[in-house]
Structures are given as structure tokens and as C-alpha cells.
Protein backbone atom coordinates (compact mmCIF):
# COMPACT_ATOMS: atom_id res chain seq x y z
CA MET A 1 -16.71 -9.67 -22.60
CA ILE A 2 -13.27 -10.91 -21.61
CA GLY A 3 -10.86 -8.00 -21.80
CA ARG A 4 -13.38 -5.23 -21.17
CA SER A 5 -12.73 -2.70 -18.44
CA VAL A 6 -14.46 -2.92 -15.07
CA SER A 7 -16.64 0.08 -15.94
CA ALA A 8 -17.60 -1.48 -19.30
CA LEU A 9 -18.50 -4.75 -17.60
CA ALA A 10 -20.61 -2.86 -15.06
CA GLN A 11 -22.43 -1.16 -17.94
CA ALA A 12 -23.06 -4.52 -19.61
CA LEU A 13 -24.51 -5.89 -16.37
CA THR A 14 -26.72 -2.81 -15.99
CA GLU A 15 -27.99 -3.17 -19.55
CA LYS A 16 -28.56 -6.91 -18.97
CA THR A 17 -26.32 -7.78 -21.91
CA ILE A 18 -24.89 -10.44 -19.63
CA SER A 19 -25.60 -11.67 -16.11
CA SER A 20 -23.04 -11.90 -13.32
CA VAL A 21 -23.42 -15.69 -13.32
CA GLU A 22 -22.59 -15.81 -17.04
CA LEU A 23 -19.70 -13.36 -16.68
CA THR A 24 -18.25 -15.22 -13.71
CA GLN A 25 -18.47 -18.51 -15.58
CA LEU A 26 -16.58 -17.00 -18.52
CA TYR A 27 -13.70 -16.07 -16.22
CA LEU A 28 -13.80 -19.40 -14.37
CA ASP A 29 -13.53 -21.21 -17.71
CA ARG A 30 -10.59 -19.03 -18.69
CA ILE A 31 -8.86 -19.68 -15.35
CA ALA A 32 -9.34 -23.43 -15.82
CA ARG A 33 -7.75 -23.17 -19.25
CA HIS A 34 -4.74 -20.97 -18.48
CA ASN A 35 -3.96 -21.20 -14.78
CA PRO A 36 -2.21 -24.61 -14.99
CA LEU A 37 0.53 -22.86 -16.97
CA LEU A 38 0.52 -19.42 -15.34
CA ASN A 39 0.05 -20.60 -11.73
CA ALA A 40 -1.60 -17.26 -10.91
CA PHE A 41 -4.25 -18.71 -8.58
CA ILE A 42 -3.73 -20.85 -5.50
CA THR A 43 -7.42 -21.46 -4.82
CA VAL A 44 -10.45 -21.38 -7.11
CA ASP A 45 -13.90 -22.45 -5.91
CA GLY A 46 -16.43 -22.14 -8.71
CA GLU A 47 -19.35 -23.09 -6.49
CA LYS A 48 -18.66 -20.23 -4.08
CA SER A 49 -18.03 -17.76 -6.89
CA LEU A 50 -21.21 -18.64 -8.78
CA ALA A 51 -23.26 -18.41 -5.58
CA GLN A 52 -21.95 -14.88 -5.08
CA ALA A 53 -22.69 -14.08 -8.72
CA LYS A 54 -26.27 -15.31 -8.34
CA ALA A 55 -26.70 -13.11 -5.26
CA ALA A 56 -25.29 -10.17 -7.22
CA ASP A 57 -27.82 -10.70 -10.01
CA GLU A 58 -30.56 -10.66 -7.38
CA MET A 59 -29.16 -7.39 -5.97
CA ARG A 60 -29.34 -5.84 -9.42
CA ALA A 61 -32.87 -7.13 -9.97
CA ALA A 62 -33.91 -5.55 -6.67
CA GLY A 63 -32.42 -2.19 -7.66
CA LEU A 64 -29.65 -2.39 -5.04
CA ALA A 65 -26.68 -2.41 -7.40
CA THR A 66 -23.43 -0.55 -6.79
CA PRO A 67 -20.80 0.05 -9.52
CA LEU A 68 -19.08 -3.26 -8.63
CA THR A 69 -22.16 -5.44 -8.15
CA GLY A 70 -21.62 -8.65 -10.10
CA ILE A 71 -18.03 -7.83 -11.08
CA PRO A 72 -15.66 -10.82 -10.63
CA LEU A 73 -12.40 -9.90 -8.88
CA ALA A 74 -9.28 -11.84 -7.90
CA GLN A 75 -8.16 -11.51 -4.28
CA LYS A 76 -4.54 -11.80 -3.18
CA ASP A 77 -4.17 -14.79 -0.85
CA ILE A 78 -2.99 -12.54 1.96
CA PHE A 79 -6.56 -11.40 2.68
CA CYS A 80 -8.66 -13.61 4.94
CA ALA A 81 -11.94 -14.62 3.32
CA LYS A 82 -14.49 -16.60 5.29
CA GLY A 83 -14.69 -20.21 4.13
CA TRP A 84 -11.76 -19.81 1.73
CA LEU A 85 -8.33 -21.38 2.05
CA THR A 86 -6.05 -18.48 2.99
CA THR A 87 -2.40 -19.52 2.74
CA CYS A 88 -0.30 -16.37 2.29
CA GLY A 89 1.69 -18.49 -0.18
CA SER A 90 3.15 -20.56 2.67
CA LYS A 91 3.26 -24.18 3.77
CA MET A 92 2.72 -22.79 7.26
CA LEU A 93 -0.89 -21.91 6.35
CA ASN A 94 -1.58 -24.52 3.67
CA ASN A 95 -4.57 -25.89 5.64
CA PHE A 96 -5.92 -22.63 7.09
CA VAL A 97 -9.53 -21.91 6.11
CA SER A 98 -10.34 -18.45 7.39
CA PRO A 99 -13.28 -18.17 9.82
CA TYR A 100 -13.78 -14.45 9.05
CA ASP A 101 -13.47 -11.83 6.32
CA ALA A 102 -10.80 -9.16 6.06
CA SER A 103 -12.13 -5.62 6.02
CA ILE A 104 -11.68 -5.20 2.26
CA ILE A 105 -13.37 -8.56 1.59
CA GLU A 106 -16.32 -7.36 3.68
CA ARG A 107 -16.44 -4.17 1.65
CA PHE A 108 -16.35 -5.97 -1.70
CA ASN A 109 -18.99 -8.42 -0.49
CA ALA A 110 -21.25 -5.56 0.59
CA ALA A 111 -20.76 -3.97 -2.85
CA GLY A 112 -21.85 -7.23 -4.50
CA ALA A 113 -18.49 -8.10 -6.08
CA VAL A 114 -17.61 -11.74 -6.77
CA ILE A 115 -14.48 -13.51 -5.54
CA LEU A 116 -13.01 -15.43 -8.49
CA GLY A 117 -10.29 -16.99 -6.36
CA LYS A 118 -7.21 -16.37 -4.23
CA THR A 119 -4.05 -15.43 -6.12
CA ASN A 120 -0.53 -16.75 -5.71
CA MET A 121 2.08 -14.62 -3.98
CA ASP A 122 5.57 -14.60 -2.52
CA GLU A 123 5.47 -16.34 0.85
CA PHE A 124 4.13 -13.92 3.46
CA ALA A 125 4.66 -11.18 0.85
CA MET A 126 8.44 -11.52 1.11
CA GLY A 127 9.83 -11.34 -2.39
CA SER A 128 10.07 -9.37 -5.62
CA SER A 129 9.56 -12.14 -8.16
CA ASN A 130 6.81 -14.47 -6.88
CA GLU A 131 9.35 -17.29 -6.72
CA THR A 132 9.24 -17.80 -2.93
CA SER A 133 5.68 -19.16 -2.91
CA TYR A 134 5.22 -22.65 -1.47
CA TYR A 135 2.89 -23.27 -4.42
CA GLY A 136 5.51 -22.55 -7.05
CA ALA A 137 6.52 -19.58 -9.16
CA VAL A 138 4.03 -17.53 -11.15
CA LYS A 139 4.81 -17.01 -14.83
CA ASN A 140 4.71 -13.62 -16.53
CA PRO A 141 2.04 -13.71 -19.30
CA TRP A 142 4.30 -11.59 -21.52
CA ASP A 143 7.06 -14.21 -21.39
CA MET A 144 6.51 -17.49 -19.55
CA ALA A 145 10.23 -17.79 -18.84
CA ARG A 146 10.19 -14.56 -16.80
CA VAL A 147 8.91 -13.43 -13.43
CA PRO A 148 5.74 -11.33 -13.01
CA GLY A 149 7.23 -9.39 -10.09
CA GLY A 150 6.22 -9.72 -6.48
CA SER A 151 4.88 -10.14 -4.01
CA SER A 152 1.53 -9.56 -5.75
CA GLY A 153 2.67 -11.47 -8.82
CA GLY A 154 -0.33 -13.79 -8.94
CA SER A 155 -2.75 -10.85 -9.01
CA ALA A 156 -0.67 -9.12 -11.68
CA ALA A 157 -0.46 -12.21 -13.88
CA ALA A 158 -4.18 -12.92 -13.49
CA VAL A 159 -5.25 -9.45 -14.65
CA SER A 160 -2.59 -9.23 -17.36
CA ALA A 161 -3.65 -12.60 -18.83
CA LEU A 162 -7.33 -11.58 -18.61
CA LEU A 163 -8.15 -14.23 -16.02
CA ALA A 164 -9.77 -11.44 -14.00
CA PRO A 165 -10.77 -7.86 -14.86
CA ALA A 166 -9.06 -6.52 -11.71
CA ALA A 167 -7.48 -7.73 -8.50
CA THR A 168 -6.28 -6.71 -5.07
CA GLY A 169 -2.67 -6.59 -3.99
CA THR A 170 -0.60 -5.44 -1.05
CA ASP A 171 2.41 -3.18 -1.09
CA THR A 172 5.08 -3.26 1.65
CA GLY A 173 8.03 -2.05 -0.41
CA GLY A 174 6.66 -1.98 -3.96
CA SER A 175 4.66 -5.22 -4.15
CA ILE A 176 1.77 -3.67 -6.08
CA ARG A 177 3.73 -1.24 -8.22
CA GLN A 178 6.64 -3.46 -9.29
CA PRO A 179 4.51 -6.39 -10.59
CA ALA A 180 2.17 -3.86 -12.22
CA ALA A 181 5.17 -2.47 -14.10
CA LEU A 182 6.42 -5.90 -15.18
CA CYS A 183 2.95 -7.05 -16.33
CA ASN A 184 1.71 -3.84 -18.05
CA LEU A 185 -0.88 -2.92 -15.41
CA THR A 186 -1.94 0.07 -13.41
CA GLY A 187 -1.35 -0.48 -9.70
CA LEU A 188 -1.96 1.87 -6.79
CA LYS A 189 -0.52 1.84 -3.27
CA PRO A 190 -2.65 4.26 -1.22
CA THR A 191 -1.53 6.47 1.64
CA TYR A 192 -0.78 4.35 4.71
CA GLY A 193 -3.98 3.99 6.73
CA VAL A 194 -6.46 4.72 3.92
CA VAL A 195 -7.24 1.00 3.41
CA SER A 196 -7.80 -1.11 6.53
CA ARG A 197 -5.28 -3.84 7.32
CA TYR A 198 -7.79 -5.83 9.39
CA GLY A 199 -7.72 -9.42 8.13
CA MET A 200 -4.64 -8.80 5.99
CA ILE A 201 -1.97 -11.22 7.21
CA ALA A 202 0.84 -9.00 8.42
CA TYR A 203 4.38 -8.89 7.07
CA ALA A 204 5.59 -5.47 8.28
CA SER A 205 2.74 -3.66 10.00
CA SER A 206 4.04 -0.10 9.63
CA LEU A 207 4.61 -0.58 5.88
CA ASP A 208 1.88 -2.93 4.58
CA GLN A 209 -0.96 -1.39 2.60
CA GLY A 210 -3.62 -2.94 0.38
CA GLY A 211 -4.52 -1.49 -2.99
CA PRO A 212 -6.04 -2.16 -6.43
CA MET A 213 -4.47 -3.60 -9.59
CA ALA A 214 -6.24 -3.19 -12.92
CA ARG A 215 -5.61 -2.23 -16.52
CA SER A 216 -6.47 1.46 -16.13
CA ALA A 217 -6.59 4.28 -13.62
CA GLN A 218 -10.37 4.44 -14.04
CA ASP A 219 -10.73 0.84 -12.90
CA CYS A 220 -8.35 1.37 -9.97
CA ALA A 221 -10.49 4.31 -8.84
CA LEU A 222 -13.62 2.15 -8.87
CA LEU A 223 -11.93 -0.46 -6.68
CA LEU A 224 -10.41 2.08 -4.30
CA ASN A 225 -13.81 3.69 -3.80
CA VAL A 226 -14.86 0.40 -2.20
CA MET A 227 -11.61 -0.55 -0.47
CA ALA A 228 -10.94 2.76 1.31
CA GLY A 229 -12.55 3.75 4.57
CA PHE A 230 -12.17 3.85 8.32
CA ASP A 231 -12.18 0.60 10.27
CA GLU A 232 -12.14 0.76 14.07
CA ARG A 233 -10.70 -2.78 14.20
CA ASP A 234 -7.44 -1.49 12.70
CA SER A 235 -5.61 0.92 15.03
CA THR A 236 -3.72 2.39 12.06
CA SER A 237 -6.86 3.03 10.00
CA LEU A 238 -7.49 6.73 9.40
CA ASP A 239 -10.89 8.23 10.19
CA ARG A 240 -11.39 10.48 7.18
CA THR A 241 -14.34 11.77 5.19
CA LYS A 242 -15.32 9.35 2.43
CA GLU A 243 -14.22 10.55 -0.99
CA ASP A 244 -14.79 9.68 -4.64
CA TYR A 245 -11.39 8.86 -6.13
CA SER A 246 -12.67 9.31 -9.68
CA ARG A 247 -13.94 12.83 -9.06
CA GLU A 248 -11.24 14.52 -11.16
CA PHE A 249 -11.93 12.40 -14.26
CA SER A 250 -14.51 14.77 -15.76
CA ALA A 251 -13.82 15.89 -19.33
CA VAL A 252 -11.40 18.77 -19.79
CA ALA A 253 -12.03 20.99 -22.82
CA SER A 254 -8.36 21.47 -23.61
CA ASP A 255 -5.52 19.78 -25.40
CA LYS A 256 -3.45 20.48 -22.26
CA PRO A 257 -5.56 18.88 -19.50
CA LEU A 258 -2.64 18.93 -17.04
CA ALA A 259 -1.75 22.61 -17.43
CA GLY A 260 -0.31 23.89 -14.17
CA LEU A 261 0.71 20.47 -12.88
CA ARG A 262 4.26 20.50 -11.48
CA ILE A 263 6.14 17.23 -11.95
CA GLY A 264 9.17 16.71 -9.75
CA LEU A 265 12.10 14.84 -11.25
CA PRO A 266 14.50 13.70 -8.49
CA ARG A 267 18.16 14.08 -9.28
CA GLU A 268 18.63 10.75 -7.54
CA PHE A 269 16.55 9.12 -10.33
CA PHE A 270 17.66 11.12 -13.33
CA GLY A 271 21.18 12.36 -12.55
CA THR A 272 23.87 11.05 -14.90
CA SER A 273 25.67 8.87 -12.35
CA GLU A 274 22.49 7.49 -10.85
CA ARG A 275 21.06 6.43 -14.21
CA SER A 276 23.44 3.49 -14.12
CA GLY A 277 21.07 1.88 -11.62
CA CYS A 278 18.31 1.72 -14.22
CA ALA A 279 18.42 -0.18 -17.51
CA PRO A 280 18.88 2.32 -20.38
CA GLU A 281 15.92 0.91 -22.30
CA VAL A 282 13.64 1.45 -19.29
CA MET A 283 14.91 4.98 -18.68
CA GLN A 284 14.34 5.80 -22.34
CA LEU A 285 10.67 4.85 -21.99
CA VAL A 286 10.35 6.84 -18.76
CA ASP A 287 11.87 9.89 -20.47
CA ALA A 288 9.39 9.53 -23.34
CA ALA A 289 6.47 9.32 -20.90
CA ILE A 290 7.60 12.47 -19.11
CA ALA A 291 7.89 14.22 -22.49
CA GLU A 292 4.28 13.22 -23.13
CA TYR A 293 3.30 14.81 -19.83
CA ARG A 294 4.95 18.03 -20.97
CA ARG A 295 2.80 17.93 -24.10
CA LEU A 296 -0.24 17.56 -21.84
CA GLY A 297 0.68 20.83 -20.15
CA ALA A 298 2.73 19.77 -17.14
CA GLN A 299 5.78 21.69 -15.94
CA LEU A 300 8.97 19.84 -15.00
CA VAL A 301 10.77 20.72 -11.77
CA ASP A 302 14.18 19.50 -10.62
CA ILE A 303 14.04 18.22 -7.04
CA SER A 304 16.24 16.20 -4.73
CA LEU A 305 15.59 13.29 -2.37
CA PRO A 306 19.04 13.16 -0.79
CA ASN A 307 18.36 10.25 1.56
CA MET A 308 16.82 8.06 -1.13
CA LYS A 309 20.02 5.99 -1.33
CA LEU A 310 19.46 4.88 2.27
CA SER A 311 15.94 3.55 1.67
CA VAL A 312 16.93 -0.02 0.80
CA PRO A 313 19.24 -0.61 3.80
CA SER A 314 16.83 1.02 6.24
CA TYR A 315 13.89 -0.95 4.82
CA TYR A 316 15.73 -4.25 5.18
CA VAL A 317 16.24 -3.53 8.87
CA ILE A 318 12.73 -2.29 9.68
CA ALA A 319 10.71 -4.77 7.62
CA PRO A 320 12.49 -7.93 8.86
CA ALA A 321 12.27 -6.64 12.44
CA GLU A 322 8.51 -6.29 12.16
CA ALA A 323 8.26 -9.62 10.34
CA SER A 324 10.17 -11.33 13.14
CA SER A 325 7.54 -10.12 15.58
CA ASN A 326 4.49 -10.72 13.38
CA LEU A 327 5.44 -14.25 12.34
CA SER A 328 6.15 -15.41 15.89
CA ARG A 329 2.47 -16.34 16.17
CA PHE A 330 2.92 -19.18 13.68
CA ASP A 331 4.14 -21.87 16.03
CA GLY A 332 2.17 -25.00 15.17
CA VAL A 333 -0.11 -24.70 18.19
CA ARG A 334 -3.33 -22.94 17.25
CA TYR A 335 -3.57 -23.23 13.46
CA GLY A 336 -1.47 -23.88 10.41
CA TYR A 337 1.26 -26.40 9.86
CA ARG A 338 2.50 -28.64 12.69
CA ALA A 339 5.50 -30.94 12.31
CA PRO A 340 4.43 -34.60 12.41
CA ASP A 341 7.27 -35.78 14.69
CA TYR A 342 8.62 -34.15 17.86
CA SER A 343 9.51 -35.18 21.39
CA ASP A 344 8.51 -32.09 23.38
CA LEU A 345 6.93 -28.64 23.04
CA ASN A 346 10.16 -26.82 22.17
CA GLU A 347 10.97 -29.33 19.47
CA MET A 348 7.44 -28.97 18.08
CA TYR A 349 7.95 -25.20 17.81
CA ALA A 350 11.35 -25.57 16.19
CA ARG A 351 10.39 -28.27 13.69
CA SER A 352 7.06 -26.69 12.76
CA ARG A 353 8.70 -23.35 11.98
CA ALA A 354 11.70 -24.94 10.26
CA GLN A 355 9.47 -27.06 8.02
CA GLY A 356 6.61 -24.56 7.61
CA PHE A 357 8.58 -21.49 6.53
CA GLY A 358 10.55 -21.16 3.29
CA ALA A 359 14.15 -20.00 2.97
CA GLU A 360 13.43 -16.31 2.31
CA VAL A 361 11.03 -16.04 5.26
CA LYS A 362 13.58 -17.69 7.53
CA ARG A 363 16.26 -15.29 6.30
CA ARG A 364 14.17 -12.25 7.15
CA ILE A 365 13.07 -13.64 10.53
CA LEU A 366 16.71 -14.21 11.45
CA ILE A 367 17.72 -10.72 10.32
CA GLY A 368 14.80 -9.17 12.20
CA THR A 369 15.50 -11.09 15.37
CA TYR A 370 19.16 -10.07 15.21
CA VAL A 371 18.52 -6.32 14.78
CA LEU A 372 16.03 -6.36 17.66
CA SER A 373 18.33 -8.25 20.00
CA HIS A 374 20.05 -6.74 23.03
CA GLY A 375 23.10 -4.78 21.99
CA TYR A 376 22.00 -4.28 18.39
CA TYR A 377 18.59 -2.58 18.74
CA ASP A 378 20.06 0.93 19.03
CA ALA A 379 22.72 0.36 16.39
CA TYR A 380 20.39 -1.00 13.73
CA TYR A 381 16.65 -0.69 14.37
CA LEU A 382 16.58 2.76 15.97
CA GLN A 383 19.06 4.09 13.43
CA ALA A 384 16.92 2.77 10.58
CA GLN A 385 13.88 4.50 12.06
CA ARG A 386 15.81 7.78 12.22
CA ILE A 387 16.72 7.40 8.56
CA ARG A 388 13.07 6.68 7.80
CA ARG A 389 12.16 10.08 9.26
CA LEU A 390 14.82 11.77 7.13
CA ILE A 391 13.41 10.11 4.01
CA ALA A 392 9.90 11.27 4.89
CA ASN A 393 11.18 14.80 5.49
CA ASP A 394 12.80 14.80 2.05
CA PHE A 395 9.40 14.14 0.50
CA VAL A 396 7.77 16.89 2.59
CA ALA A 397 10.34 19.35 1.27
CA ALA A 398 9.96 18.08 -2.31
CA PHE A 399 6.19 18.52 -2.33
CA LYS A 400 6.62 22.21 -1.55
CA GLN A 401 8.14 22.47 -5.04
CA CYS A 402 5.97 20.03 -7.02
CA ASP A 403 2.62 18.25 -7.09
CA VAL A 404 3.67 14.80 -8.33
CA ILE A 405 7.03 13.03 -8.42
CA MET A 406 7.83 10.76 -11.37
CA GLY A 407 10.47 8.20 -12.21
CA PRO A 408 10.94 4.52 -13.03
CA THR A 409 8.95 1.92 -11.12
CA SER A 410 11.43 -0.91 -11.60
CA PRO A 411 15.08 -0.63 -12.68
CA SER A 412 14.57 -3.30 -15.34
CA ILE A 413 12.00 -5.17 -17.36
CA ALA A 414 10.98 -8.62 -16.10
CA PHE A 415 14.01 -10.81 -15.44
CA LYS A 416 14.17 -14.54 -16.05
CA LEU A 417 12.88 -17.07 -13.55
CA GLY A 418 15.75 -18.13 -11.31
CA GLU A 419 18.04 -15.33 -12.52
CA LYS A 420 18.28 -13.62 -9.12
CA ALA A 421 17.15 -16.42 -6.83
CA ALA A 422 20.66 -17.11 -5.56
CA ASP A 423 21.50 -13.44 -4.96
CA PRO A 424 19.21 -11.87 -2.35
CA VAL A 425 20.85 -8.43 -2.60
CA GLN A 426 20.19 -8.19 -6.34
CA MET A 427 16.61 -9.29 -5.70
CA TYR A 428 16.17 -6.64 -3.02
CA LEU A 429 17.43 -3.96 -5.40
CA SER A 430 14.43 -4.67 -7.65
CA ASP A 431 12.52 -2.35 -5.31
CA ILE A 432 15.10 0.43 -5.23
CA TYR A 433 12.67 3.03 -6.65
CA THR A 434 9.59 2.00 -4.67
CA ILE A 435 10.69 1.35 -1.07
CA ALA A 436 11.02 4.99 0.00
CA VAL A 437 7.32 5.56 -0.68
CA ASN A 438 6.38 2.93 1.90
CA LEU A 439 8.86 4.23 4.45
CA ALA A 440 7.23 7.65 4.16
CA GLY A 441 3.66 6.28 4.04
CA LEU A 442 2.91 8.12 0.78
CA PRO A 443 0.62 7.08 -2.09
CA GLY A 444 2.31 5.80 -5.23
CA MET A 445 1.30 4.09 -8.41
CA SER A 446 2.73 2.53 -11.54
CA ILE A 447 1.30 2.91 -15.01
CA PRO A 448 2.38 1.28 -18.31
CA CYS A 449 4.69 3.50 -20.35
CA GLY A 450 5.87 1.28 -23.23
CA PHE A 451 7.83 -1.82 -24.14
CA ALA A 452 11.50 -2.76 -24.27
CA ASN A 453 12.43 -5.97 -26.07
CA GLY A 454 8.74 -6.84 -26.16
CA LEU A 455 8.33 -6.56 -22.38
CA PRO A 456 6.45 -3.84 -20.48
CA ALA A 457 7.94 -1.10 -18.32
CA GLY A 458 6.28 1.13 -15.77
CA LEU A 459 6.30 4.83 -14.89
CA GLN A 460 6.00 5.53 -11.16
CA LEU A 461 3.88 8.42 -9.88
CA ILE A 462 4.32 9.50 -6.25
CA GLY A 463 1.93 11.91 -4.55
CA ASP A 464 1.65 13.81 -1.31
CA TYR A 465 -0.41 12.33 1.51
CA PHE A 466 -4.06 11.66 0.57
CA SER A 467 -3.57 12.76 -3.05
CA GLU A 468 -4.88 9.51 -4.56
CA ALA A 469 -7.57 11.31 -6.60
CA ARG A 470 -4.95 13.59 -8.14
CA LEU A 471 -2.59 10.69 -8.88
CA LEU A 472 -5.37 8.72 -10.54
CA ASN A 473 -6.34 11.71 -12.66
CA VAL A 474 -2.72 12.34 -13.70
CA ALA A 475 -2.49 8.67 -14.72
CA HIS A 476 -5.88 8.84 -16.47
CA ARG A 477 -4.91 11.82 -18.63
CA TYR A 478 -1.79 9.98 -19.79
CA GLN A 479 -3.84 6.88 -20.58
CA GLN A 480 -6.26 8.97 -22.62
CA ALA A 481 -3.30 10.10 -24.73
CA ASN A 482 -1.86 6.66 -25.50
CA ALA A 483 -2.79 2.99 -25.55
CA TRP A 484 0.10 1.31 -23.73
CA HIS A 485 -2.22 0.09 -20.99
CA LEU A 486 -4.52 -1.58 -23.53
CA GLN A 487 -1.85 -3.88 -24.99
CA ARG A 488 -2.32 -7.58 -24.31
CA PRO A 489 0.26 -10.36 -24.10
CA GLN A 490 0.52 -12.51 -27.21
CA GLY A 491 -0.03 -16.25 -27.16
CA ILE A 492 -2.83 -16.31 -24.57
CA ASP A 493 -6.12 -16.71 -26.42
């Protein structure tokens, strides 16, 4: 059963080939065997998981099953789950047991899914390599000396190493798509507001968005069908008609199932001078994937995103500014870490935050506080917001010419652990192709498109607002034509 798709596992549960309790135990045993090396999970509680699995089996016996009833899933440790340690990868929350469920946890629970455990992540989702976690770095299953990407690196490693059939992640500047690319997964960041942020510990509130990570577009669609939906507890949640994100997957009686699809190729991604920002071996795989799309009937269109080059600097003003505000609540008073020694209240605040936050979180808090301070707000924060609007307008213009935009997800294959740890700018540039999507609030996804030096690379697909079903279908047709997404890392039995 290990290694089957979510839909195949659901079929096996329906046919009573296996029970949810048995399936969950298989994954728990595999986690126990491999997690000590991979470090993909922060928290595993077999008793809780098996209790959920037993309840799922009872749901199926009563005829109340949904497509995900009894399916074990890994949850990123940024989502609050009642009774579970919820750390956000930080010492600041290393003793926080959530008293309530995040919206998506509620939705998965109602669907009868099983929580396998809480996955490791960059501290407060701030990172591109999963090296900033208080609980240690996550290893990439394809090469244990390399990073899995971040911040959802634990979820990516868990699914890639078959410790879970699928997982949740969050994406603030590429944190679903980049680790999906580096671990040979399919990862989807939905349109901002499609998935509720209630109970998702905030990094940058206007950018954060939860989404699914799995081996295929079909599995991502099954998860998104549960995750998406209006939530009145989240003021940014969008009240939209419920939709089936797998609705375009029906069989197409043609060898060109994507006939009529217009794929936009930004000059900023593919122009001769700009290609220097992407490793040649990655760009070669991206070019081959786009050629495959032409064979499937798609038409290629040259487009431009002229303000794309400003996405990284504007992001690293806006995101730290929002983080500075969001993380001010962690002060050692109500919950989380409190320094053991202090002489007065101010010293308790200072020591608790100094000891509870890691170096990268402190760096971004300081940057955010600076750009919001008197005398600098207009020069930095407001200017970054103006650039953000220009970037969004570029996409609006581009989607008048094309249906989907394609390009690399990450400028390189997985880099070595520690390789960029001392150079924050180089680390930030890992998200050079993904950040603009978050600034504009668009949906984007990464799908496997081949291997360079034995390591996976990802093709990024960007859609117009609320075009998740189309994106998933475009990814699905490509995955029907090749088997990149089915490859497994060697050396993990």
C-alpha cells in the first residue's frame, strides 16, 4: 500500500482491502523507521492517529465516507490542531499545545482524514531550506546531504520519502512550490483567500496561503476539494460557490488534450540575459517540459512581466513588516517560551524574545520594524506596496494574452545543507521565480519535470485568479504523458 496514490488508497479502503487502522499503522511504522534520519516530523502521536483511523473505519461502515475518509495525511506544524503540540518550528512555541483546530484541520477531520503527525518547517515559515527550524534541518530524501526546500520542507520530505501519501503546506513566497520542486512533488498554492487562514500561525498575513502537496495533480485536487471554502472567522476568506477542482480531469478522446491552451512564456524567465539566473541544467528540463506541452496541443505565447525583477526586494520589505507585527504577540506572557531569569517585565519581554526566536526570525523582525518606523514607512513600505500593485497589473495584462504562464519553479536543484546559510541574500534568491505570484495573490503550482545530476527539478504553472481547476488539469495532462512524478528516491526502502 505504501506508495499508492491518495485515490488508490481511497479505493482500497472502499473495497475493504485494508482498513484505515491498518493503513495508518503502516505509515506510523515507516515514520518510526525513517524519521530519525530525515527529521521530517516534529510530532507524531500514534495513539491519536489510530483513534482517528478507528473513527474513520466506523464512518465507512456506517456509509458516511467521503473520498478522504481514513486517508492518513501529514500536517505542517503551522496549523493549530486541538490537543497536538503546535510549534511553528520555533523554540518560542515548543510547549504550546493548541486548544482548538485550524479551519483546514476541522475540514479534514469532518472528511474523516487521519493526522499522521506535524511536520518540520522553517521557523515561523521564514526560510527556503528548512534549516532555520529549532528542531534541526530536514534532509532531502533524494540526497541526505541536501536541503528539501522550505518552509514546507518537512511536508515535502515526508511525502517524497513515502512517510505520508500527501501533506499540507503553506506558501508565503514559494514555500509549497519550491520544496515540491526540490523533492519531486506536485504542490499547489491556491488563489489568496480560497483556503482559510484561521488557525494558521501567521507570518505575513497578506501573503500566506495554505495548500496541498502530493505526488500528482489528481491527489492535490482531492485535498483542495476539502481545504477550500469560505470561513467567516477569517476576514480574508472569500465567499465563493463550492467547486470540484478535479472537474476537468475527464478523459479526452484526443492525442492533443490541451489543444487551444495558450502558454505564456515571460521574457523575464526565458530571455537570453535573464537565463543566467537559472542553472542551465534546470532550464534545459523546463524547455523540454514546455516542448512536451506543445506536443499535447498547447500554443506558446511570448509575454512580458516587466516588474518581475522588483518582486524580491518588494517582498522582503512587505513580508518582514507584516511579520514584525504578527510576531509581537509572542512575548512570554500568555503562552509559549518564557525566559527563566529576569528582573522586571521589560527584561522578561526582551529575554524571552531573544532566547525564543532564532536568528532568521530576529533578522526579519528587525527589518520589518525598521521599514515601518517613523521616517521610513513612506520610503520603504508604501513604495513596496506600490510596486506590488504594478506586479499584479503585469499579470492582469499577461492573462489577456495567455491562459497559463510557465517557467522554472526554483533556479537550481537542491543545494547542500549549510551552503547558503551564511548568505541570506543568496537564500532569498531561491524564491526569485515564485514570490511574484504571492504578491499578486494568484494561484501557482510546481510539478516534476525531470532530473539533473540525479536530483529533481520543477516546472512552475501560474494561473489567473480562481483558475485552480484549469491549472490542475494542465498539470494532470502532462503527468499522463510522462512518469517523472512517479519516480522515488533511492536508498529509502
